Amino acid sequence: AHYAVTLRDNTVKILAAATRGLVASLQGLTFADSSQPRLARALQSNQFTTGLVVHPTTHHVVLNGEPGHLQVYSALSDRHVVSVEVASFNRTGGSQSRQPHVDLVQYSSDGAWMATVDSRASAECYLKFWNLDPATQKYRLATRIDAPHGGVSALAFQPPRAGHPLLCVTTGRADACFRVWALQTRGTDHYFWTCRSTARYREQFPRAVAFSADGSTLAVAFGGAVTLWDPETCLTPAAVLVASAQTPALSGLAFVGESSYLAAWSSTRLDMWNLLTGSVWWTLAMPLLAVTVHPRIPLLAVAALQASTADPLDASLLLLSPESPNPLVALPHPIGVEALAFVPSSSTKRSSHSNAKQLADPLDHNMLVVLTPTGLLNVYGANDNDNKDIVSKQSSAVAMSSATFANIFGKSKTAPAAAVSSNAANAHVRQAMRLVRSAVQSAYVNAPYHVLPPVSALYDQFVTAQMHPTTLDTIVTSVSEDAEDTVMADAENVEEPVVKSRPATVDDLWSEANADFIQSICSGFQANTN
């Protein structure tokens, strides 16, 4: 017999009752315990400061985990992959306000470098650059900068450019400037980062930064203005884009694919700039919760609230093309939205123009991951049956989904069958599920009735286990043998009939055709039985 225990960190442990040994462990998403008053004040009631960041090569989703950690989640296989420690701390004692929190994380376009910003409630802040070790496939700390800017509000890596060192830009919360960090090498295997340049604009505080797809243009948001810079010099802005004098302070910037469009948004409006004309192409004025841009194709997703509702959880998901504010797909999401992220498939190619297939089904070969304020991850993808407006959804915030329950107790007749969890692809999980199923089968007759599931859930699987499976070949063989015995018995006692000649009718021809057809079927059955 086995039993399962759910722990506070969203982990399910399957233990053997006889030996009390650990059989398997199923890890779900873990988050910092914001119920502690001091930690909640330190996080300002927002523990998902990193948002949802997609790793460029593995396409795993990276987000905040337990204090000082990042957790990696696979949207394709719906499982927790690994937890990465960014900042260590004393777990056995001390004040909880000293627990570190990862504020930001970003990756270079090839995944070789990771930049993180972690802080503590005591105003400590660290900018760290991590290098991916090809041998171990783990990130190693290469450079740490103490108290950059007095706090970092945004950071972004420059796409690689031939003949130029890799750059990373950070914006400051306290010093009203942004800094450009360059990768330096010493020898063949020693890398470190240094500050290359610093720039300001009218003593305003920068809050967002983005690079164009080719890395030649740097966009930085100062207040309600978007400034465009040459990242190699950063002397003066090449252009300043302002939608109107009443534009609120911008909170995000993103170049849309490889197109000429630049998205700039705040909490109340989204402006789509056409950089070829230097004008606002269209504006979406409504309360915004989150915005994300597809890294390869010209597509963006917006989580917005209806202007007529006061419920912050009554959200809608809009998939938009940069060419028009009319949504390609609109989905209700009544449980709130904290962050969004597109997870591209390996077959999705870069494109600067929307083609007909992408407009017909924006989520074809792509997934949209939605993080809710309660820590749920909803994954949306294209439905193969209807690619227009119907999108399938799966919830992955818990370690064991309803599919795992169906694997153990069988599918319910009153509820639709859920998709089988891809956790079953793991060898340890498969072994644990086999042990649990065997324990459940023995519990049909041995366990007390008050601990068993309803009979309606056990009936199908119990009866199926008691009956021997019968294949089509077995049925055909049995029928053929009975038919041969009957024909032989009748042939011995039958008298030769008197044949009378008469004209052939349509019914006769139809009977002969049916006889030939039936004879061919019987010969086919006999060939299969041999």
Protein backbone atom coordinates (compact mmCIF):
# COMPACT_ATOMS: atom_id res chain seq x y z
CA ALA A 1 0.00 0.00 0.00
CA HIS A 2 1.07 3.58 -0.65
CA TYR A 3 -0.11 6.95 0.47
CA ALA A 4 0.44 10.51 -0.78
CA VAL A 5 1.23 13.59 1.27
CA THR A 6 0.83 17.16 0.05
CA LEU A 7 3.40 19.58 1.45
CA ARG A 8 3.24 23.32 1.89
CA ASP A 9 5.62 23.97 -1.03
CA ASN A 10 3.12 22.37 -3.46
CA THR A 11 4.96 19.06 -3.54
CA VAL A 12 3.24 15.66 -3.49
CA LYS A 13 5.26 12.87 -1.87
CA ILE A 14 4.24 9.25 -2.55
CA LEU A 15 5.43 7.00 0.28
CA ALA A 16 5.38 3.25 0.84
CA ALA A 17 3.23 2.37 3.85
CA ALA A 18 5.32 -0.64 4.84
CA THR A 19 8.80 0.89 4.71
CA ARG A 20 7.82 4.59 4.84
CA GLY A 21 10.29 5.11 2.04
CA LEU A 22 9.90 7.76 -0.64
CA VAL A 23 8.60 6.26 -3.88
CA ALA A 24 8.16 9.40 -5.99
CA SER A 25 7.94 13.16 -5.67
CA LEU A 26 5.76 15.41 -7.84
CA GLN A 27 6.81 19.07 -7.73
CA GLY A 28 4.39 21.87 -8.48
CA LEU A 29 4.97 25.60 -8.70
CA THR A 30 6.33 27.14 -5.51
CA PHE A 31 6.17 30.75 -4.40
CA ALA A 32 7.31 32.87 -1.50
CA ASP A 33 5.08 32.80 1.55
CA SER A 34 3.54 36.26 1.30
CA SER A 35 1.32 35.57 4.30
CA GLN A 36 4.14 36.76 6.54
CA PRO A 37 3.50 40.47 7.25
CA ARG A 38 7.09 41.63 6.92
CA LEU A 39 7.71 39.76 3.71
CA ALA A 40 4.41 40.95 2.25
CA ARG A 41 5.35 44.57 2.91
CA ALA A 42 8.77 43.98 1.39
CA LEU A 43 7.22 42.58 -1.80
CA GLN A 44 4.52 45.27 -1.81
CA SER A 45 1.90 42.54 -2.32
CA ASN A 46 3.47 41.56 -5.64
CA GLN A 47 5.61 38.46 -5.57
CA PHE A 48 5.67 38.02 -9.37
CA THR A 49 8.03 40.91 -10.13
CA THR A 50 9.90 39.00 -12.84
CA GLY A 51 6.71 38.33 -14.76
CA LEU A 52 6.93 35.45 -17.22
CA VAL A 53 10.23 35.21 -19.09
CA VAL A 54 10.68 32.60 -21.84
CA HIS A 55 14.11 31.03 -22.25
CA PRO A 56 15.14 31.60 -25.90
CA THR A 57 16.48 28.09 -26.59
CA THR A 58 14.54 25.68 -24.36
CA HIS A 59 11.31 27.74 -24.46
CA HIS A 60 10.80 27.08 -20.76
CA VAL A 61 8.93 29.70 -18.74
CA VAL A 62 10.96 31.33 -15.93
CA LEU A 63 9.29 33.13 -13.03
CA ASN A 64 9.65 33.89 -9.34
CA GLY A 65 9.89 30.94 -6.98
CA GLU A 66 10.66 30.62 -3.30
CA PRO A 67 12.75 33.43 -1.73
CA GLY A 68 15.96 34.02 -3.68
CA HIS A 69 15.06 31.48 -6.39
CA LEU A 70 13.76 31.29 -9.93
CA GLN A 71 11.66 28.35 -11.02
CA VAL A 72 11.62 26.93 -14.52
CA TYR A 73 8.37 25.53 -15.88
CA SER A 74 7.80 23.63 -19.13
CA ALA A 75 4.55 24.70 -20.77
CA LEU A 76 4.90 21.97 -23.39
CA SER A 77 5.11 19.06 -20.93
CA ASP A 78 3.23 20.83 -18.10
CA ARG A 79 5.78 20.17 -15.38
CA HIS A 80 8.19 21.89 -13.04
CA VAL A 81 11.71 21.56 -14.46
CA VAL A 82 14.19 23.02 -11.98
CA SER A 83 14.67 25.70 -9.34
CA VAL A 84 17.64 28.08 -9.73
CA GLU A 85 19.15 29.75 -6.66
CA VAL A 86 20.02 33.38 -7.40
CA ALA A 87 20.64 34.68 -3.86
CA SER A 88 21.40 32.59 -0.78
CA PHE A 89 20.37 33.41 2.78
CA ASN A 90 20.23 31.92 6.26
CA ARG A 91 17.24 29.57 6.36
CA THR A 92 17.55 28.52 9.98
CA GLY A 93 17.27 31.87 11.71
CA GLY A 94 17.16 35.61 11.36
CA SER A 95 14.44 38.00 10.31
CA GLN A 96 12.22 37.15 7.37
CA SER A 97 12.68 40.67 6.07
CA ARG A 98 16.24 39.63 5.18
CA GLN A 99 15.01 37.05 2.72
CA PRO A 100 16.13 37.93 -0.82
CA HIS A 101 13.73 38.44 -3.66
CA VAL A 102 14.51 38.20 -7.38
CA ASP A 103 13.18 41.37 -9.00
CA LEU A 104 14.15 40.90 -12.66
CA VAL A 105 15.58 38.28 -15.00
CA GLN A 106 16.45 38.37 -18.69
CA TYR A 107 18.36 36.13 -21.14
CA SER A 108 20.49 36.84 -24.16
CA SER A 109 19.02 35.76 -27.50
CA ASP A 110 21.20 32.62 -27.62
CA GLY A 111 20.63 31.74 -23.96
CA ALA A 112 24.35 31.91 -23.14
CA TRP A 113 23.93 34.74 -20.62
CA MET A 114 21.43 35.47 -17.88
CA ALA A 115 21.08 38.76 -16.00
CA THR A 116 19.28 38.96 -12.66
CA VAL A 117 18.47 41.67 -10.13
CA ASP A 118 17.83 40.60 -6.54
CA SER A 119 17.19 42.74 -3.50
CA ARG A 120 16.31 42.64 0.17
CA ALA A 121 14.04 44.79 2.29
CA SER A 122 17.08 46.59 3.71
CA ALA A 123 17.65 48.39 0.36
CA GLU A 124 20.37 45.95 -0.73
CA CYS A 125 20.38 45.43 -4.50
CA TYR A 126 22.63 43.33 -6.74
CA LEU A 127 22.95 43.06 -10.50
CA LYS A 128 24.38 39.67 -11.51
CA PHE A 129 25.52 38.28 -14.84
CA TRP A 130 25.52 34.50 -15.23
CA ASN A 131 27.27 32.45 -17.93
CA LEU A 132 25.90 29.12 -19.15
CA ASP A 133 28.34 26.24 -18.69
CA PRO A 134 28.01 24.00 -21.79
CA ALA A 135 29.25 20.94 -19.90
CA THR A 136 26.79 21.07 -16.99
CA GLN A 137 24.08 23.20 -18.62
CA LYS A 138 24.01 25.36 -15.49
CA TYR A 139 24.53 29.08 -15.08
CA ARG A 140 27.63 30.23 -13.20
CA LEU A 141 28.02 33.68 -11.70
CA ALA A 142 30.48 35.77 -13.75
CA THR A 143 30.01 39.34 -12.44
CA ARG A 144 28.17 40.96 -9.53
CA ILE A 145 27.53 44.72 -9.31
CA ASP A 146 26.49 46.03 -5.92
CA ALA A 147 23.76 48.69 -5.67
CA PRO A 148 23.45 49.58 -9.38
CA HIS A 149 21.42 52.77 -9.85
CA GLY A 150 20.17 52.40 -6.30
CA GLY A 151 17.62 49.96 -7.77
CA VAL A 152 16.91 48.63 -11.27
CA SER A 153 13.53 49.08 -12.92
CA ALA A 154 14.18 47.28 -16.26
CA LEU A 155 16.93 45.50 -18.18
CA ALA A 156 17.36 44.06 -21.65
CA PHE A 157 20.04 42.28 -23.69
CA GLN A 158 21.03 43.47 -27.13
CA PRO A 159 20.65 40.92 -29.95
CA PRO A 160 24.11 39.82 -31.10
CA ARG A 161 25.76 41.90 -33.81
CA ALA A 162 28.77 40.79 -35.82
CA GLY A 163 31.92 42.61 -34.78
CA HIS A 164 30.36 44.16 -31.66
CA PRO A 165 30.50 42.99 -28.03
CA LEU A 166 27.33 41.85 -26.33
CA LEU A 167 25.53 44.70 -24.51
CA CYS A 168 23.01 44.84 -21.70
CA VAL A 169 21.06 47.95 -20.67
CA THR A 170 19.64 48.67 -17.21
CA THR A 171 17.43 51.55 -16.12
CA GLY A 172 17.67 53.13 -12.66
CA ARG A 173 14.97 53.83 -10.15
CA ALA A 174 16.88 56.42 -8.13
CA ASP A 175 19.56 57.99 -10.36
CA ALA A 176 17.33 58.89 -13.38
CA CYS A 177 19.66 57.34 -15.97
CA PHE A 178 20.24 54.15 -17.90
CA ARG A 179 23.55 52.34 -18.21
CA VAL A 180 25.03 50.22 -20.96
CA TRP A 181 27.04 47.20 -19.80
CA ALA A 182 29.49 45.50 -22.18
CA LEU A 183 30.89 41.98 -22.10
CA GLN A 184 34.67 41.86 -21.73
CA THR A 185 37.00 38.89 -22.06
CA ARG A 186 40.32 38.12 -20.43
CA GLY A 187 42.09 35.17 -21.93
CA THR A 188 39.99 32.42 -23.43
CA ASP A 189 37.66 31.44 -20.62
CA HIS A 190 37.34 34.46 -18.31
CA TYR A 191 34.40 36.80 -18.88
CA PHE A 192 33.25 39.87 -16.99
CA TRP A 193 30.97 42.87 -17.48
CA THR A 194 31.81 46.56 -17.18
CA CYS A 195 29.82 49.79 -17.50
CA ARG A 196 30.40 51.23 -20.96
CA SER A 197 28.25 54.38 -20.95
CA THR A 198 25.57 56.29 -19.05
CA ALA A 199 22.83 58.53 -20.45
CA ARG A 200 20.00 60.75 -19.18
CA TYR A 201 17.05 62.59 -20.61
CA ARG A 202 15.70 65.78 -18.95
CA GLU A 203 16.19 64.37 -15.45
CA GLN A 204 13.24 62.04 -15.90
CA PHE A 205 13.25 58.49 -14.59
CA PRO A 206 13.46 55.67 -17.14
CA ARG A 207 11.05 52.81 -16.59
CA ALA A 208 11.29 50.57 -19.68
CA VAL A 209 13.87 49.57 -22.27
CA ALA A 210 13.83 47.50 -25.48
CA PHE A 211 16.10 46.64 -28.42
CA SER A 212 15.09 46.28 -32.04
CA ALA A 213 15.36 42.84 -33.64
CA ASP A 214 18.70 43.63 -35.31
CA GLY A 215 20.09 45.37 -32.20
CA SER A 216 20.77 48.67 -33.99
CA THR A 217 18.16 50.75 -32.12
CA LEU A 218 17.66 51.17 -28.39
CA ALA A 219 14.31 52.45 -27.08
CA VAL A 220 14.08 53.87 -23.56
CA ALA A 221 10.89 55.23 -21.97
CA PHE A 222 11.29 58.43 -19.92
CA GLY A 223 7.97 59.40 -18.43
CA GLY A 224 5.48 59.54 -21.29
CA ALA A 225 8.15 59.90 -24.01
CA VAL A 226 9.91 57.20 -26.02
CA THR A 227 13.54 58.00 -26.82
CA LEU A 228 15.49 56.20 -29.55
CA TRP A 229 19.27 55.83 -29.17
CA ASP A 230 22.29 54.41 -30.92
CA PRO A 231 23.45 51.76 -28.39
CA GLU A 232 27.06 52.08 -29.52
CA THR A 233 27.36 55.76 -28.57
CA CYS A 234 24.34 56.84 -26.44
CA LEU A 235 25.36 60.49 -26.82
CA THR A 236 22.00 62.07 -27.65
CA PRO A 237 18.64 60.54 -28.57
CA ALA A 238 18.19 60.12 -32.30
CA ALA A 239 14.43 60.69 -31.95
CA VAL A 240 11.86 61.44 -29.27
CA LEU A 241 8.33 60.08 -29.69
CA VAL A 242 5.47 61.60 -27.69
CA ALA A 243 1.87 60.60 -28.38
CA SER A 244 0.31 63.56 -26.58
CA ALA A 245 0.93 65.91 -23.69
CA GLN A 246 -1.51 63.88 -21.56
CA THR A 247 0.30 60.59 -22.10
CA PRO A 248 0.84 58.93 -18.69
CA ALA A 249 4.18 57.49 -17.61
CA LEU A 250 4.99 54.46 -19.71
CA SER A 251 5.59 51.12 -18.03
CA GLY A 252 6.62 48.95 -20.99
CA LEU A 253 8.23 48.97 -24.43
CA ALA A 254 8.62 46.26 -27.06
CA PHE A 255 9.54 46.05 -30.74
CA VAL A 256 6.98 43.83 -32.48
CA GLY A 257 8.92 41.06 -34.21
CA GLU A 258 11.13 42.29 -37.03
CA SER A 259 8.56 44.82 -38.18
CA SER A 260 8.76 48.59 -38.02
CA TYR A 261 6.26 48.80 -35.16
CA LEU A 262 7.04 49.71 -31.57
CA ALA A 263 4.52 49.10 -28.76
CA ALA A 264 4.53 51.49 -25.80
CA TRP A 265 2.04 51.06 -22.99
CA SER A 266 1.02 52.30 -19.57
CA SER A 267 -1.70 51.17 -17.19
CA THR A 268 -4.43 52.93 -19.18
CA ARG A 269 -3.43 52.93 -22.87
CA LEU A 270 -1.39 51.21 -25.55
CA ASP A 271 0.22 53.17 -28.38
CA MET A 272 1.46 51.42 -31.51
CA TRP A 273 4.16 53.48 -33.21
CA ASN A 274 5.14 53.11 -36.86
CA LEU A 275 8.82 54.00 -36.96
CA LEU A 276 8.79 54.41 -40.74
CA THR A 277 6.39 57.34 -40.46
CA GLY A 278 7.27 58.41 -36.92
CA SER A 279 3.60 58.55 -35.94
CA VAL A 280 1.14 56.67 -33.79
CA TRP A 281 -0.45 53.99 -35.96
CA TRP A 282 -3.28 53.27 -33.54
CA THR A 283 -4.14 53.61 -29.84
CA LEU A 284 -5.98 51.27 -27.50
CA ALA A 285 -7.39 53.20 -24.53
CA MET A 286 -8.55 50.86 -21.77
CA PRO A 287 -7.29 49.60 -18.39
CA LEU A 288 -4.38 47.25 -19.08
CA LEU A 289 -3.15 44.47 -16.81
CA ALA A 290 -0.31 43.00 -18.89
CA VAL A 291 1.14 43.14 -22.40
CA THR A 292 3.49 40.75 -24.17
CA VAL A 293 4.96 40.57 -27.67
CA HIS A 294 5.80 37.47 -29.66
CA PRO A 295 9.58 37.20 -30.11
CA ARG A 296 9.44 36.03 -33.73
CA ILE A 297 6.26 37.04 -35.52
CA PRO A 298 4.33 40.36 -35.46
CA LEU A 299 1.80 39.46 -32.79
CA LEU A 300 1.05 40.80 -29.33
CA ALA A 301 -1.28 39.78 -26.49
CA VAL A 302 -3.03 42.22 -24.17
CA ALA A 303 -4.83 41.53 -20.90
CA ALA A 304 -7.35 44.30 -20.35
CA LEU A 305 -10.33 45.18 -18.19
CA GLN A 306 -13.64 46.39 -19.50
CA ALA A 307 -14.12 50.08 -18.82
CA SER A 308 -17.60 49.43 -17.45
CA THR A 309 -16.55 46.92 -14.79
CA ALA A 310 -14.92 47.58 -11.44
CA ASP A 311 -13.89 43.97 -10.81
CA PRO A 312 -10.08 43.67 -11.22
CA LEU A 313 -10.45 39.95 -11.98
CA ASP A 314 -12.90 40.35 -14.87
CA ALA A 315 -10.22 40.42 -17.57
CA SER A 316 -10.14 39.69 -21.28
CA LEU A 317 -7.28 38.42 -23.43
CA LEU A 318 -6.84 40.14 -26.79
CA LEU A 319 -4.55 38.92 -29.56
CA LEU A 320 -3.64 41.81 -31.84
CA SER A 321 -1.72 42.48 -35.00
CA PRO A 322 0.45 45.62 -35.01
CA GLU A 323 -1.35 46.77 -38.13
CA SER A 324 -4.81 47.08 -36.58
CA PRO A 325 -6.39 47.56 -33.13
CA ASN A 326 -9.16 45.08 -34.00
CA PRO A 327 -8.53 41.87 -32.03
CA LEU A 328 -7.76 38.71 -33.95
CA VAL A 329 -8.96 36.65 -30.99
CA ALA A 330 -10.78 37.76 -27.82
CA LEU A 331 -11.00 35.43 -24.83
CA PRO A 332 -12.64 35.98 -21.44
CA HIS A 333 -10.38 35.38 -18.44
CA PRO A 334 -12.45 36.05 -15.30
CA ILE A 335 -9.77 35.06 -12.76
CA GLY A 336 -7.38 37.97 -13.24
CA VAL A 337 -4.06 38.34 -15.04
CA GLU A 338 -0.67 39.09 -13.52
CA ALA A 339 1.64 38.41 -16.48
CA LEU A 340 1.62 37.07 -20.05
CA ALA A 341 4.16 35.32 -22.25
CA PHE A 342 4.23 33.74 -25.69
CA VAL A 343 5.96 30.36 -25.94
CA PRO A 344 6.97 29.90 -29.58
CA SER A 345 7.40 26.49 -31.13
CA SER A 346 10.65 25.44 -32.77
CA SER A 347 8.95 25.57 -36.18
CA THR A 348 7.84 29.19 -35.85
CA LYS A 349 9.98 31.25 -38.19
CA ARG A 350 10.72 34.92 -37.94
CA SER A 351 8.55 37.08 -40.13
CA SER A 352 8.10 40.81 -40.53
CA HIS A 353 4.64 40.56 -42.08
CA SER A 354 1.47 38.82 -40.98
CA ASN A 355 0.43 36.12 -43.41
CA ALA A 356 -3.03 34.66 -43.87
CA LYS A 357 -2.37 31.61 -41.72
CA GLN A 358 -1.18 33.66 -38.78
CA LEU A 359 -4.20 35.95 -39.05
CA ALA A 360 -6.58 32.99 -39.25
CA ASP A 361 -5.05 31.28 -36.23
CA PRO A 362 -2.62 33.44 -34.20
CA LEU A 363 -1.89 30.60 -31.76
CA ASP A 364 -1.02 28.05 -34.43
CA HIS A 365 2.20 26.32 -33.26
CA ASN A 366 2.40 28.76 -30.34
CA MET A 367 1.18 28.90 -26.76
CA LEU A 368 0.10 31.80 -24.59
CA VAL A 369 0.92 31.36 -20.90
CA VAL A 370 -1.12 33.42 -18.42
CA LEU A 371 -0.14 33.90 -14.77
CA THR A 372 -2.97 34.81 -12.39
CA PRO A 373 -2.65 36.76 -9.13
CA THR A 374 -3.24 33.55 -7.17
CA GLY A 375 -0.33 31.71 -8.80
CA LEU A 376 -2.20 29.68 -11.42
CA LEU A 377 -0.66 29.14 -14.82
CA ASN A 378 -3.11 28.81 -17.69
CA VAL A 379 -1.77 27.68 -21.06
CA TYR A 380 -3.71 28.56 -24.21
CA GLY A 381 -3.06 26.93 -27.56
CA ALA A 382 -4.73 26.49 -30.94
CA ASN A 383 -7.54 23.96 -31.14
CA ASP A 384 -7.06 21.49 -33.98
CA ASN A 385 -10.83 21.08 -34.48
CA ASP A 386 -11.62 24.75 -34.99
CA ASN A 387 -8.80 27.21 -35.58
CA LYS A 388 -10.87 30.36 -35.60
CA ASP A 389 -11.84 31.52 -32.15
CA ILE A 390 -11.84 28.40 -29.97
CA VAL A 391 -8.78 28.00 -27.78
CA SER A 392 -8.05 25.11 -25.43
CA LYS A 393 -6.87 25.75 -21.90
CA GLN A 394 -5.11 23.67 -19.29
CA SER A 395 -4.36 24.57 -15.67
CA SER A 396 -0.93 23.67 -14.33
CA ALA A 397 -0.58 25.30 -10.92
CA VAL A 398 -0.92 22.05 -8.99
CA ALA A 399 1.46 19.11 -9.00
CA MET A 400 -1.16 16.41 -9.70
CA SER A 401 -3.95 17.36 -12.10
CA SER A 402 -7.32 15.71 -12.63
CA ALA A 403 -5.73 13.63 -15.38
CA THR A 404 -3.60 11.87 -12.77
CA PHE A 405 -6.76 11.10 -10.77
CA ALA A 406 -8.33 9.68 -13.92
CA ASN A 407 -5.26 7.50 -14.52
CA ILE A 408 -5.67 5.99 -11.05
CA PHE A 409 -9.45 5.69 -10.67
CA GLY A 410 -10.60 5.72 -14.29
CA LYS A 411 -12.47 8.31 -16.32
CA SER A 412 -15.71 9.68 -14.93
CA LYS A 413 -18.89 9.37 -16.98
CA THR A 414 -20.29 12.67 -15.75
CA ALA A 415 -17.27 14.82 -16.55
CA PRO A 416 -15.39 15.26 -19.83
CA ALA A 417 -12.20 13.30 -20.12
CA ALA A 418 -9.17 15.43 -19.39
CA ALA A 419 -5.96 15.26 -21.34
CA VAL A 420 -3.43 12.84 -19.92
CA SER A 421 -0.77 14.70 -18.00
CA SER A 422 2.62 14.61 -19.63
CA ASN A 423 4.13 13.89 -16.22
CA ALA A 424 3.46 10.26 -17.11
CA ALA A 425 6.36 10.53 -19.55
CA ASN A 426 8.73 10.65 -16.61
CA ALA A 427 10.00 7.20 -15.63
CA HIS A 428 9.74 7.87 -11.92
CA VAL A 429 6.19 9.14 -12.25
CA ARG A 430 5.18 6.13 -14.35
CA GLN A 431 6.58 3.77 -11.75
CA ALA A 432 4.77 5.62 -8.98
CA MET A 433 1.50 5.55 -10.91
CA ARG A 434 1.80 1.79 -11.47
CA LEU A 435 2.35 1.26 -7.77
CA VAL A 436 -0.58 3.47 -6.87
CA ARG A 437 -2.87 1.75 -9.38
CA SER A 438 -1.92 -1.68 -8.05
CA ALA A 439 -2.60 -0.46 -4.53
CA VAL A 440 -5.99 0.90 -5.59
CA GLN A 441 -6.95 -2.37 -7.28
CA SER A 442 -6.14 -4.34 -4.13
CA ALA A 443 -8.13 -1.80 -2.13
CA TYR A 444 -11.29 -2.72 -4.03
CA VAL A 445 -11.85 -5.64 -1.64
CA ASN A 446 -9.55 -4.87 1.28
CA ALA A 447 -9.98 -1.18 2.10
CA PRO A 448 -12.79 0.22 4.27
CA TYR A 449 -15.71 1.53 2.25
CA HIS A 450 -15.51 5.05 3.67
CA VAL A 451 -12.08 5.65 2.13
CA LEU A 452 -12.98 4.41 -1.37
CA PRO A 453 -14.09 6.68 -4.23
CA PRO A 454 -17.70 6.43 -5.47
CA VAL A 455 -18.72 3.12 -7.04
CA SER A 456 -19.47 4.90 -10.31
CA ALA A 457 -15.79 5.82 -10.57
CA LEU A 458 -14.56 2.30 -9.76
CA TYR A 459 -17.04 0.19 -11.68
CA ASP A 460 -15.60 0.42 -15.21
CA GLN A 461 -11.99 -0.20 -14.22
CA PHE A 462 -12.91 -3.02 -11.80
CA VAL A 463 -15.02 -4.89 -14.36
CA THR A 464 -12.41 -4.38 -17.06
CA ALA A 465 -9.71 -5.83 -14.81
CA GLN A 466 -11.84 -8.92 -14.06
CA MET A 467 -12.70 -9.71 -17.69
CA HIS A 468 -10.28 -11.16 -20.21
CA PRO A 469 -9.84 -9.00 -23.32
CA THR A 470 -11.09 -10.49 -26.60
CA THR A 471 -9.72 -9.43 -29.95
CA LEU A 472 -11.41 -9.41 -33.36
CA ASP A 473 -9.23 -12.30 -34.58
CA THR A 474 -10.47 -14.51 -31.73
CA ILE A 475 -14.11 -13.71 -32.53
CA VAL A 476 -13.68 -14.38 -36.26
CA THR A 477 -11.88 -17.68 -35.61
CA SER A 478 -14.69 -18.88 -33.32
CA VAL A 479 -17.42 -17.87 -35.77
CA SER A 480 -15.61 -19.52 -38.70
CA GLU A 481 -15.21 -22.83 -36.84
CA ASP A 482 -18.91 -22.86 -35.84
CA ALA A 483 -19.94 -22.06 -39.42
CA GLU A 484 -17.81 -24.88 -40.85
CA ASP A 485 -19.30 -27.45 -38.40
CA THR A 486 -22.83 -26.35 -39.29
CA VAL A 487 -22.22 -26.54 -43.05
CA MET A 488 -20.70 -30.02 -42.79
CA ALA A 489 -23.63 -31.29 -40.69
CA ASP A 490 -26.20 -29.89 -43.11
CA ALA A 491 -24.36 -31.23 -46.15
CA GLU A 492 -24.74 -34.82 -44.95
CA ASN A 493 -28.54 -34.59 -44.53
CA VAL A 494 -29.52 -32.32 -47.38
CA GLU A 495 -31.33 -33.74 -50.42
CA GLU A 496 -30.41 -32.74 -53.92
CA PRO A 497 -32.92 -30.10 -54.99
CA VAL A 498 -34.83 -30.17 -58.25
CA VAL A 499 -33.67 -27.29 -60.40
CA LYS A 500 -36.29 -25.57 -62.50
CA SER A 501 -35.26 -23.27 -65.24
CA ARG A 502 -36.82 -19.83 -65.32
CA PRO A 503 -35.78 -16.40 -66.62
CA ALA A 504 -33.25 -14.51 -64.48
CA THR A 505 -34.67 -11.52 -62.65
CA VAL A 506 -33.10 -8.49 -61.04
CA ASP A 507 -33.49 -10.11 -57.62
CA ASP A 508 -31.55 -13.14 -58.80
CA LEU A 509 -28.69 -11.00 -60.06
CA TRP A 510 -28.64 -9.06 -56.76
CA SER A 511 -28.58 -12.35 -54.76
CA GLU A 512 -25.66 -13.64 -56.81
CA ALA A 513 -23.74 -10.42 -56.29
CA ASN A 514 -24.37 -10.62 -52.54
CA ALA A 515 -23.24 -14.24 -52.47
CA ASP A 516 -19.94 -13.36 -54.15
CA PHE A 517 -19.45 -10.50 -51.71
CA ILE A 518 -20.18 -12.69 -48.69
CA GLN A 519 -17.86 -15.41 -49.99
CA SER A 520 -15.03 -12.89 -50.42
CA ILE A 521 -15.56 -11.66 -46.86
CA CYS A 522 -15.43 -15.23 -45.49
CA SER A 523 -12.26 -15.99 -47.43
CA GLY A 524 -10.76 -12.82 -46.01
CA PHE A 525 -11.65 -13.92 -42.48
CA GLN A 526 -10.10 -17.34 -43.09
CA ALA A 527 -6.91 -15.70 -44.37
CA ASN A 528 -6.72 -13.60 -41.24
CA THR A 529 -7.23 -16.59 -38.95
CA ASN A 530 -4.39 -18.47 -40.61
